[in-house]
Amino acid sequence: MDQTQTPGEQMAALVSHLAARRAAILQAWRESVNADAELTSSDSLPRNQFNDHIPGLLDAFQKRLQAWPRLESAAAEEKRIEDSAGHGLQRWQQGYQLREVTREWGHLQMCLVRELEQYAEAHAGLAHAVMSAAWHALSELCSQGISESTTQYFQLQQAEAEGHVRDMQETLAEASELDRRRTELFRQAAHDLRGNVGVVTNVTSGLTQYTMPEATREEFLRLLQKSVSSLQSMLDGALDLARLQAGHELRDIKPFSVADMLDDLVANLQPWARDRGLYLRAEGPVSLMVEGDAVKIRRIAQNLLLNALKYTRAGGVTLAWGDSRNNDPKRWMLCVQDTGPGIHAGPGAPLADALQGATQEARHVEEKATRRAQGHAPAEPAPQANTTASDSRAVHQQRGEGIGLSIVKRLCELLDASMELDSAPEVGTTFRIVFPRHYEAA
């Protein structure tokens, strides 16, 4: 280190060094995370997905140092906070547990600590103020990054839970209304029967009276069946979700033919589609062998297909499989695309909203990585998804669909798969599930 350099020039040299070492820092971070036995999700992610917002955070760190001894601009601080929150959003979509998010930050901090230590050892003439400012900026970056990432992660979990509570409340309210209507039907039936056989003494005897109007009996039975079916469906979904959240389901990884399994599923659901006047298509290579849990992958596909068929009014649904979108040799993809009303970011669809926002973030990260690789300047930041924003349009997500999506997402987490959602009102919805082709032996 040139002893004649001013502290400002020494800081500029440190910033240049960190910029030149970016690729090495990222690689050291990746290797550190991969060596952590408590982190498993990272192994199944392509490099772009794994790195996601980290290059942007390194940029923010360098800009913070460049601004020294002045404070960074408000815009730079806001951008750093957005990148940190975006990291939490991406990791939630990719099936990470919260402890994995915080451990990743710990590994990033240690990699930067080692880099600064090595730089200080190699440049003995560094001014104390320069390294002090660097350590302070690093501490601020990591503490704020962990805070923003975990806050975003918790907000997404809370929004998902609030959707489930609302679903249950609406189901119970509907059951209460059906109860009221059944009571009214009994009252009407009793009035009709009074002139012939006297007052109906209870529900059972009322139903057995041949003089009860057939239309009244059918309406009563229809309401009863609807109420029981609705409650059973919600409770079954809640129990399935509870088992997944409690860790009571384990994955059973074996080689299997994706094409054979999904072709069979589509064939089984064809009568369901025909009854609704919809097409149901299967598209994909005739041979695709992978490792995975065939039963759980079938559950994912079936859940998405049944939802799509249920809410699509015209057109139909396509189930496709094959290589991942970026032709990653370590991944394969399952797609369910419908021509339904679309799921949008309304207050009744918090999970769908979050998945759509995470998908948009993932696209933007990939675009930035591609532009960097091609030597172009990064594109403008993507707008941050807001899972609590109001939306005046009618919400197309039906009650109970949120629990179904949560079950799919938990199964994806169990299988180290990421889940993407693209949807447009009156155009349709596409779910993409990206799975590993192989799993490391336990």
Protein backbone atom coordinates (compact mmCIF):
# COMPACT_ATOMS: atom_id res chain seq x y z
CA MET A 1 0.00 0.00 0.00
CA ASP A 2 1.44 3.38 -1.03
CA GLN A 3 2.02 5.31 2.20
CA THR A 4 1.40 8.59 0.34
CA GLN A 5 -2.21 7.65 -0.44
CA THR A 6 -4.91 9.53 1.39
CA PRO A 7 -7.55 7.59 3.34
CA GLY A 8 -10.00 8.37 0.54
CA GLU A 9 -7.66 6.87 -2.05
CA GLN A 10 -7.07 3.84 0.15
CA MET A 11 -10.84 3.32 0.42
CA ALA A 12 -11.19 3.60 -3.37
CA ALA A 13 -8.49 0.93 -3.75
CA LEU A 14 -10.36 -1.36 -1.33
CA VAL A 15 -13.60 -0.89 -3.29
CA SER A 16 -11.79 -1.74 -6.56
CA HIS A 17 -10.36 -4.86 -4.92
CA LEU A 18 -13.80 -6.03 -3.76
CA ALA A 19 -15.24 -5.45 -7.24
CA ALA A 20 -12.46 -7.50 -8.81
CA ARG A 21 -12.96 -10.26 -6.25
CA ARG A 22 -16.77 -10.43 -6.64
CA ALA A 23 -16.80 -13.80 -8.46
CA ALA A 24 -14.36 -15.32 -5.94
CA ILE A 25 -16.42 -14.03 -2.98
CA LEU A 26 -19.62 -15.48 -4.45
CA GLN A 27 -17.90 -18.81 -5.09
CA ALA A 28 -16.48 -18.90 -1.56
CA TRP A 29 -19.94 -18.16 -0.18
CA ARG A 30 -21.51 -20.89 -2.30
CA GLU A 31 -18.90 -23.44 -1.22
CA SER A 32 -19.37 -22.44 2.42
CA VAL A 33 -23.13 -22.90 2.18
CA ASN A 34 -22.82 -26.22 0.35
CA ALA A 35 -20.49 -27.50 3.07
CA ASP A 36 -23.05 -26.67 5.77
CA ALA A 37 -24.80 -29.93 6.67
CA GLU A 38 -27.83 -28.01 7.99
CA LEU A 39 -28.44 -26.37 4.61
CA THR A 40 -30.00 -28.68 2.03
CA SER A 41 -32.13 -26.47 -0.23
CA SER A 42 -29.14 -24.77 -1.88
CA ASP A 43 -27.97 -28.01 -3.51
CA SER A 44 -31.05 -28.17 -5.73
CA LEU A 45 -30.90 -24.59 -7.05
CA PRO A 46 -29.27 -23.42 -10.28
CA ARG A 47 -26.48 -20.84 -9.79
CA ASN A 48 -28.64 -17.85 -10.79
CA GLN A 49 -31.40 -18.87 -8.41
CA PHE A 50 -28.95 -19.53 -5.61
CA ASN A 51 -27.08 -16.24 -5.98
CA ASP A 52 -30.32 -14.25 -6.49
CA HIS A 53 -29.93 -10.86 -4.71
CA ILE A 54 -26.42 -11.37 -3.34
CA PRO A 55 -24.61 -9.54 -6.21
CA GLY A 56 -26.88 -6.56 -5.60
CA LEU A 57 -26.05 -6.64 -1.90
CA LEU A 58 -22.32 -6.69 -2.71
CA ASP A 59 -22.90 -3.66 -4.95
CA ALA A 60 -24.63 -1.92 -2.05
CA PHE A 61 -21.69 -2.73 0.25
CA GLN A 62 -19.23 -1.24 -2.22
CA LYS A 63 -21.35 1.87 -2.75
CA ARG A 64 -21.56 2.32 1.02
CA LEU A 65 -17.75 2.30 1.15
CA GLN A 66 -17.48 4.61 -1.87
CA ALA A 67 -19.64 7.20 -0.13
CA TRP A 68 -17.29 7.30 2.89
CA PRO A 69 -16.79 9.49 4.85
CA ARG A 70 -20.25 10.70 3.85
CA LEU A 71 -23.37 8.66 4.54
CA GLU A 72 -24.86 6.72 1.64
CA SER A 73 -27.75 8.31 -0.20
CA ALA A 74 -31.32 7.57 0.79
CA ALA A 75 -31.87 5.92 -2.60
CA ALA A 76 -28.86 3.61 -2.10
CA GLU A 77 -30.06 2.63 1.37
CA GLU A 78 -33.57 1.93 0.06
CA LYS A 79 -32.14 -0.23 -2.74
CA ARG A 80 -30.07 -2.21 -0.21
CA ILE A 81 -33.17 -2.80 1.93
CA GLU A 82 -35.16 -3.92 -1.14
CA ASP A 83 -32.45 -6.42 -2.10
CA SER A 84 -32.41 -7.82 1.43
CA ALA A 85 -36.21 -8.18 1.49
CA GLY A 86 -36.09 -9.70 -1.99
CA HIS A 87 -33.68 -12.34 -0.72
CA GLY A 88 -36.24 -13.38 1.91
CA LEU A 89 -39.00 -13.47 -0.72
CA GLN A 90 -36.94 -15.66 -3.05
CA ARG A 91 -35.91 -18.08 -0.33
CA TRP A 92 -39.53 -18.47 0.80
CA GLN A 93 -40.54 -19.31 -2.78
CA GLN A 94 -37.66 -21.76 -3.15
CA GLY A 95 -38.77 -23.73 -0.10
CA TYR A 96 -36.16 -22.63 2.44
CA GLN A 97 -36.77 -22.85 6.16
CA LEU A 98 -36.23 -19.63 8.11
CA ARG A 99 -33.12 -20.98 9.86
CA GLU A 100 -31.60 -21.65 6.42
CA VAL A 101 -32.14 -18.02 5.42
CA THR A 102 -30.32 -16.71 8.50
CA ARG A 103 -27.49 -19.26 8.19
CA GLU A 104 -26.92 -18.15 4.58
CA TRP A 105 -26.46 -14.60 5.83
CA GLY A 106 -23.98 -15.86 8.41
CA HIS A 107 -21.91 -17.54 5.70
CA LEU A 108 -21.94 -14.37 3.58
CA GLN A 109 -20.76 -12.32 6.55
CA MET A 110 -17.90 -14.73 7.27
CA CYS A 111 -16.77 -14.72 3.62
CA LEU A 112 -16.63 -10.93 3.63
CA VAL A 113 -14.86 -10.92 7.00
CA ARG A 114 -12.14 -13.22 5.64
CA GLU A 115 -11.81 -11.06 2.51
CA LEU A 116 -11.33 -7.89 4.56
CA GLU A 117 -8.89 -9.61 6.93
CA GLN A 118 -6.75 -10.86 4.03
CA TYR A 119 -6.79 -7.42 2.44
CA ALA A 120 -5.73 -5.74 5.69
CA GLU A 121 -2.87 -8.25 6.17
CA ALA A 122 -1.62 -7.59 2.62
CA HIS A 123 -1.78 -3.80 3.03
CA ALA A 124 -0.09 -2.98 6.30
CA GLY A 125 -0.19 0.76 5.66
CA LEU A 126 -3.96 1.03 5.66
CA ALA A 127 -5.33 3.91 7.70
CA HIS A 128 -7.24 2.77 10.78
CA ALA A 129 -10.25 4.85 9.75
CA VAL A 130 -10.51 2.98 6.41
CA MET A 131 -10.77 -0.49 7.92
CA SER A 132 -12.95 0.76 10.75
CA ALA A 133 -15.41 2.16 8.19
CA ALA A 134 -15.31 -1.14 6.25
CA TRP A 135 -16.06 -3.23 9.35
CA HIS A 136 -18.85 -0.86 10.34
CA ALA A 137 -20.41 -1.03 6.84
CA LEU A 138 -20.18 -4.84 6.84
CA SER A 139 -21.86 -5.10 10.23
CA GLU A 140 -24.62 -2.77 9.07
CA LEU A 141 -25.12 -4.68 5.81
CA CYS A 142 -25.46 -8.07 7.49
CA SER A 143 -27.54 -7.03 10.49
CA GLN A 144 -29.98 -5.09 8.33
CA GLY A 145 -29.96 -7.83 5.70
CA ILE A 146 -30.89 -10.53 8.21
CA SER A 147 -33.59 -8.28 9.65
CA GLU A 148 -35.17 -7.46 6.27
CA SER A 149 -34.94 -11.03 4.94
CA THR A 150 -36.53 -12.59 8.00
CA THR A 151 -39.17 -9.85 8.25
CA GLN A 152 -40.22 -10.48 4.64
CA TYR A 153 -40.21 -14.23 5.26
CA PHE A 154 -42.42 -13.87 8.35
CA GLN A 155 -44.82 -11.52 6.54
CA LEU A 156 -45.32 -14.11 3.80
CA GLN A 157 -45.95 -16.86 6.34
CA GLN A 158 -48.41 -14.60 8.17
CA ALA A 159 -50.26 -13.68 4.97
CA GLU A 160 -50.59 -17.36 4.13
CA ALA A 161 -51.94 -18.18 7.60
CA GLU A 162 -54.41 -15.28 7.47
CA GLY A 163 -55.79 -16.67 4.21
CA HIS A 164 -56.36 -20.05 5.86
CA VAL A 165 -58.16 -18.46 8.81
CA ARG A 166 -60.38 -16.48 6.46
CA ASP A 167 -61.19 -19.64 4.49
CA MET A 168 -62.21 -21.45 7.68
CA GLN A 169 -64.30 -18.51 8.89
CA GLU A 170 -66.15 -18.34 5.57
CA THR A 171 -66.77 -22.08 5.60
CA LEU A 172 -68.17 -21.95 9.13
CA ALA A 173 -70.30 -18.92 8.20
CA GLU A 174 -71.66 -20.84 5.22
CA ALA A 175 -72.39 -23.84 7.44
CA SER A 176 -74.27 -21.53 9.82
CA GLU A 177 -76.29 -20.10 6.94
CA LEU A 178 -77.10 -23.60 5.68
CA ASP A 179 -78.21 -24.49 9.20
CA ARG A 180 -80.55 -21.50 9.19
CA ARG A 181 -81.96 -22.48 5.81
CA ARG A 182 -82.46 -26.08 6.94
CA THR A 183 -84.36 -24.80 9.98
CA GLU A 184 -86.55 -22.71 7.70
CA LEU A 185 -87.22 -25.75 5.51
CA PHE A 186 -88.22 -27.74 8.59
CA ARG A 187 -90.58 -24.96 9.58
CA GLN A 188 -92.17 -24.97 6.14
CA ALA A 189 -92.37 -28.77 6.14
CA ALA A 190 -94.01 -28.75 9.57
CA HIS A 191 -96.57 -26.25 8.34
CA ASP A 192 -97.39 -28.41 5.31
CA LEU A 193 -97.61 -31.56 7.42
CA ARG A 194 -99.72 -30.07 10.19
CA GLY A 195 -102.96 -30.37 8.26
CA ASN A 196 -102.33 -34.07 7.53
CA VAL A 197 -100.34 -35.77 10.27
CA GLY A 198 -99.71 -33.12 12.93
CA VAL A 199 -96.64 -31.27 14.03
CA VAL A 200 -93.28 -32.75 13.00
CA THR A 201 -91.57 -33.71 16.25
CA ASN A 202 -87.99 -34.00 15.03
CA VAL A 203 -85.83 -34.02 11.96
CA THR A 204 -85.76 -37.78 11.50
CA SER A 205 -89.49 -38.28 11.66
CA GLY A 206 -89.96 -35.30 9.39
CA LEU A 207 -87.80 -36.79 6.68
CA THR A 208 -89.67 -40.11 6.84
CA GLN A 209 -93.08 -38.55 6.31
CA TYR A 210 -94.29 -39.38 2.82
CA THR A 211 -96.42 -36.21 2.81
CA MET A 212 -93.35 -33.91 2.90
CA PRO A 213 -93.14 -32.25 -0.52
CA GLU A 214 -90.52 -33.96 -2.65
CA ALA A 215 -88.98 -30.63 -3.66
CA THR A 216 -88.52 -29.70 0.02
CA ARG A 217 -86.96 -33.08 0.82
CA GLU A 218 -84.53 -32.81 -2.12
CA GLU A 219 -83.57 -29.25 -1.18
CA PHE A 220 -82.94 -30.31 2.42
CA LEU A 221 -80.78 -33.25 1.37
CA ARG A 222 -78.89 -31.11 -1.16
CA LEU A 223 -78.06 -28.49 1.47
CA LEU A 224 -77.08 -31.16 3.97
CA GLN A 225 -74.79 -32.84 1.46
CA LYS A 226 -73.23 -29.52 0.42
CA SER A 227 -72.57 -28.53 4.03
CA VAL A 228 -70.99 -31.87 4.96
CA SER A 229 -68.93 -31.98 1.75
CA SER A 230 -67.64 -28.44 2.21
CA LEU A 231 -66.63 -28.99 5.81
CA GLN A 232 -65.05 -32.37 5.05
CA SER A 233 -63.03 -30.90 2.19
CA MET A 234 -61.76 -28.04 4.32
CA LEU A 235 -60.92 -30.29 7.26
CA ASP A 236 -59.16 -32.85 5.04
CA GLY A 237 -57.08 -30.08 3.53
CA ALA A 238 -56.28 -28.60 6.93
CA LEU A 239 -55.22 -32.03 8.25
CA ASP A 240 -53.02 -32.67 5.19
CA LEU A 241 -51.39 -29.27 5.64
CA ALA A 242 -50.92 -29.85 9.39
CA ARG A 243 -49.17 -33.16 8.74
CA LEU A 244 -46.81 -31.49 6.27
CA GLN A 245 -46.09 -28.54 8.55
CA ALA A 246 -45.45 -30.88 11.48
CA GLY A 247 -42.90 -32.85 9.44
CA HIS A 248 -44.89 -36.09 9.59
CA GLU A 249 -44.44 -36.76 5.88
CA LEU A 250 -41.09 -38.00 4.58
CA ARG A 251 -39.91 -38.22 1.01
CA ASP A 252 -39.30 -41.58 -0.62
CA ILE A 253 -36.80 -41.01 -3.42
CA LYS A 254 -36.66 -43.61 -6.20
CA PRO A 255 -36.12 -43.56 -9.98
CA PHE A 256 -39.38 -43.38 -11.93
CA SER A 257 -40.83 -42.39 -15.30
CA VAL A 258 -42.38 -38.93 -15.15
CA ALA A 259 -44.07 -39.39 -18.53
CA ASP A 260 -45.79 -42.66 -17.58
CA MET A 261 -47.00 -41.32 -14.23
CA LEU A 262 -48.38 -38.04 -15.60
CA ASP A 263 -49.94 -39.66 -18.67
CA ASP A 264 -51.80 -42.02 -16.35
CA LEU A 265 -52.97 -39.10 -14.17
CA VAL A 266 -54.33 -37.18 -17.17
CA ALA A 267 -56.13 -40.30 -18.44
CA ASN A 268 -57.80 -40.74 -15.04
CA LEU A 269 -59.01 -37.13 -14.98
CA GLN A 270 -60.33 -37.05 -18.57
CA PRO A 271 -63.93 -37.91 -17.53
CA TRP A 272 -63.87 -35.02 -15.05
CA ALA A 273 -62.80 -32.62 -17.80
CA ARG A 274 -65.35 -33.94 -20.33
CA ASP A 275 -68.20 -33.52 -17.82
CA ARG A 276 -67.30 -29.82 -17.68
CA GLY A 277 -66.92 -29.41 -21.42
CA LEU A 278 -63.17 -28.77 -21.11
CA TYR A 279 -60.12 -30.22 -22.80
CA LEU A 280 -57.35 -31.81 -20.74
CA ARG A 281 -54.06 -32.25 -22.56
CA ALA A 282 -50.78 -33.92 -21.70
CA GLU A 283 -47.62 -32.59 -23.36
CA GLY A 284 -44.08 -33.77 -22.81
CA PRO A 285 -41.38 -36.18 -23.93
CA VAL A 286 -42.48 -39.82 -24.06
CA SER A 287 -39.49 -40.74 -21.92
CA LEU A 288 -38.29 -38.79 -18.91
CA MET A 289 -36.62 -40.76 -16.12
CA VAL A 290 -35.77 -38.90 -12.91
CA GLU A 291 -35.24 -39.51 -9.22
CA GLY A 292 -38.01 -38.35 -6.93
CA ASP A 293 -41.02 -39.21 -4.82
CA ALA A 294 -43.53 -40.27 -7.49
CA VAL A 295 -46.48 -40.34 -5.06
CA LYS A 296 -45.94 -36.79 -3.83
CA ILE A 297 -45.22 -35.42 -7.30
CA ARG A 298 -48.48 -37.00 -8.47
CA ARG A 299 -50.25 -35.31 -5.53
CA ILE A 300 -48.81 -31.95 -6.59
CA ALA A 301 -49.91 -32.39 -10.21
CA GLN A 302 -53.34 -33.73 -9.25
CA ASN A 303 -54.01 -30.90 -6.82
CA LEU A 304 -53.13 -28.27 -9.41
CA LEU A 305 -55.10 -30.03 -12.17
CA LEU A 306 -58.25 -30.42 -10.07
CA ASN A 307 -58.16 -26.75 -9.05
CA ALA A 308 -57.63 -25.68 -12.65
CA LEU A 309 -60.49 -27.86 -13.93
CA LYS A 310 -62.77 -26.73 -11.13
CA TYR A 311 -62.47 -23.00 -11.82
CA THR A 312 -62.00 -22.97 -15.60
CA ARG A 313 -65.26 -22.20 -17.38
CA ALA A 314 -64.17 -22.45 -21.04
CA GLY A 315 -61.20 -23.85 -22.91
CA GLY A 316 -59.25 -26.27 -20.79
CA VAL A 317 -56.09 -27.29 -18.99
CA THR A 318 -52.69 -28.47 -20.17
CA LEU A 319 -50.25 -30.52 -18.11
CA ALA A 320 -46.72 -30.33 -19.50
CA TRP A 321 -43.37 -31.70 -18.37
CA GLY A 322 -39.80 -31.64 -19.58
CA ASP A 323 -36.56 -29.70 -19.23
CA SER A 324 -36.46 -26.68 -16.93
CA ARG A 325 -36.96 -23.24 -18.42
CA ASN A 326 -33.20 -22.57 -18.56
CA ASN A 327 -32.35 -26.08 -19.80
CA ASP A 328 -30.55 -26.83 -16.55
CA PRO A 329 -29.36 -30.46 -16.79
CA LYS A 330 -29.89 -30.90 -13.03
CA ARG A 331 -33.56 -29.87 -13.08
CA TRP A 332 -36.85 -30.76 -14.74
CA MET A 333 -40.15 -28.91 -14.77
CA LEU A 334 -43.85 -29.66 -14.43
CA CYS A 335 -46.36 -27.09 -15.77
CA VAL A 336 -50.13 -26.74 -15.31
CA GLN A 337 -51.68 -24.09 -17.54
CA ASP A 338 -55.38 -23.21 -17.70
CA THR A 339 -57.61 -20.78 -19.59
CA GLY A 340 -59.55 -19.79 -16.48
CA PRO A 341 -60.30 -16.42 -14.89
CA GLY A 342 -56.81 -16.05 -13.44
CA ILE A 343 -55.61 -15.57 -9.89
CA HIS A 344 -54.59 -12.01 -9.16
CA ALA A 345 -53.08 -10.14 -6.25
CA GLY A 346 -56.28 -9.45 -4.37
CA PRO A 347 -56.88 -9.55 -0.61
CA GLY A 348 -58.41 -13.01 -0.85
CA ALA A 349 -55.35 -14.60 -2.43
CA PRO A 350 -52.31 -13.84 -0.21
CA LEU A 351 -50.37 -16.97 -1.11
CA ALA A 352 -51.00 -16.57 -4.84
CA ASP A 353 -50.00 -12.91 -4.53
CA ALA A 354 -46.72 -13.81 -2.84
CA LEU A 355 -45.92 -16.54 -5.37
CA GLN A 356 -46.59 -14.18 -8.26
CA GLY A 357 -44.37 -11.52 -6.70
CA ALA A 358 -41.58 -14.03 -6.08
CA THR A 359 -41.84 -15.26 -9.68
CA GLN A 360 -41.48 -11.71 -10.99
CA GLU A 361 -38.48 -11.18 -8.71
CA ALA A 362 -36.89 -14.39 -10.00
CA ARG A 363 -37.31 -13.25 -13.61
CA HIS A 364 -35.70 -9.92 -12.82
CA VAL A 365 -32.75 -11.58 -11.07
CA GLU A 366 -32.19 -13.85 -14.07
CA GLU A 367 -32.33 -10.89 -16.45
CA LYS A 368 -29.77 -8.99 -14.38
CA ALA A 369 -27.46 -12.01 -14.23
CA THR A 370 -27.72 -12.47 -18.00
CA ARG A 371 -26.99 -8.81 -18.67
CA ARG A 372 -23.97 -8.92 -16.35
CA ALA A 373 -22.66 -12.04 -18.11
CA GLN A 374 -23.03 -10.25 -21.46
CA GLY A 375 -21.25 -7.16 -20.18
CA HIS A 376 -24.33 -4.92 -20.15
CA ALA A 377 -25.45 -2.59 -17.38
CA PRO A 378 -28.06 -4.05 -14.99
CA ALA A 379 -31.68 -3.26 -15.76
CA GLU A 380 -33.72 -1.01 -13.49
CA PRO A 381 -34.91 -2.66 -10.26
CA ALA A 382 -38.18 -4.56 -10.46
CA PRO A 383 -41.01 -3.16 -8.34
CA GLN A 384 -41.28 -4.94 -5.01
CA ALA A 385 -44.27 -7.22 -4.54
CA ASN A 386 -46.71 -6.04 -1.90
CA THR A 387 -48.62 -8.90 -0.35
CA THR A 388 -50.93 -6.59 1.57
CA ALA A 389 -51.83 -4.15 -1.20
CA SER A 390 -55.53 -3.68 -1.85
CA ASP A 391 -57.00 -4.50 -5.22
CA SER A 392 -60.41 -3.29 -6.31
CA ARG A 393 -60.98 -6.12 -8.78
CA ALA A 394 -63.08 -9.11 -7.81
CA VAL A 395 -60.95 -11.86 -6.30
CA HIS A 396 -61.08 -15.01 -8.41
CA GLN A 397 -59.42 -17.32 -5.89
CA GLN A 398 -62.11 -19.52 -4.40
CA ARG A 399 -62.42 -20.36 -0.72
CA GLY A 400 -60.28 -23.35 0.20
CA GLU A 401 -57.98 -22.87 -2.77
CA GLY A 402 -55.43 -21.20 -0.47
CA ILE A 403 -55.08 -24.37 1.61
CA GLY A 404 -54.67 -26.38 -1.60
CA LEU A 405 -51.85 -24.08 -2.74
CA SER A 406 -50.23 -24.31 0.69
CA ILE A 407 -50.27 -28.12 0.49
CA VAL A 408 -48.60 -27.96 -2.92
CA LYS A 409 -46.00 -25.52 -1.61
CA ARG A 410 -45.21 -27.67 1.44
CA LEU A 411 -44.81 -30.72 -0.81
CA CYS A 412 -42.47 -28.65 -2.98
CA GLU A 413 -40.43 -27.72 0.09
CA LEU A 414 -40.23 -31.39 1.06
CA LEU A 415 -38.94 -32.25 -2.43
CA ASP A 416 -36.50 -29.29 -2.73
CA ALA A 417 -38.63 -27.90 -5.55
CA SER A 418 -39.41 -24.27 -6.33
CA MET A 419 -42.87 -23.05 -7.30
CA GLU A 420 -43.66 -20.27 -9.78
CA LEU A 421 -46.96 -18.63 -10.68
CA ASP A 422 -47.92 -16.47 -13.66
CA SER A 423 -51.53 -15.32 -13.92
CA ALA A 424 -53.57 -12.72 -15.76
CA PRO A 425 -57.30 -11.97 -15.31
CA GLU A 426 -59.45 -13.59 -18.01
CA VAL A 427 -56.35 -15.06 -19.68
CA GLY A 428 -55.39 -17.91 -17.40
CA THR A 429 -52.94 -19.19 -14.83
CA THR A 430 -49.71 -21.15 -15.16
CA PHE A 431 -48.03 -23.00 -12.31
CA ARG A 432 -44.45 -24.19 -12.83
CA ILE A 433 -42.80 -26.59 -10.40
CA VAL A 434 -39.05 -27.08 -10.88
CA PHE A 435 -37.68 -30.31 -9.40
CA PRO A 436 -34.15 -31.74 -9.01
CA ARG A 437 -33.42 -34.66 -11.35
CA HIS A 438 -31.32 -36.33 -8.66
CA TYR A 439 -31.02 -36.24 -4.88
CA GLU A 440 -27.96 -36.74 -2.73
CA ALA A 441 -28.04 -39.96 -0.71
CA ALA A 442 -29.14 -39.37 2.90
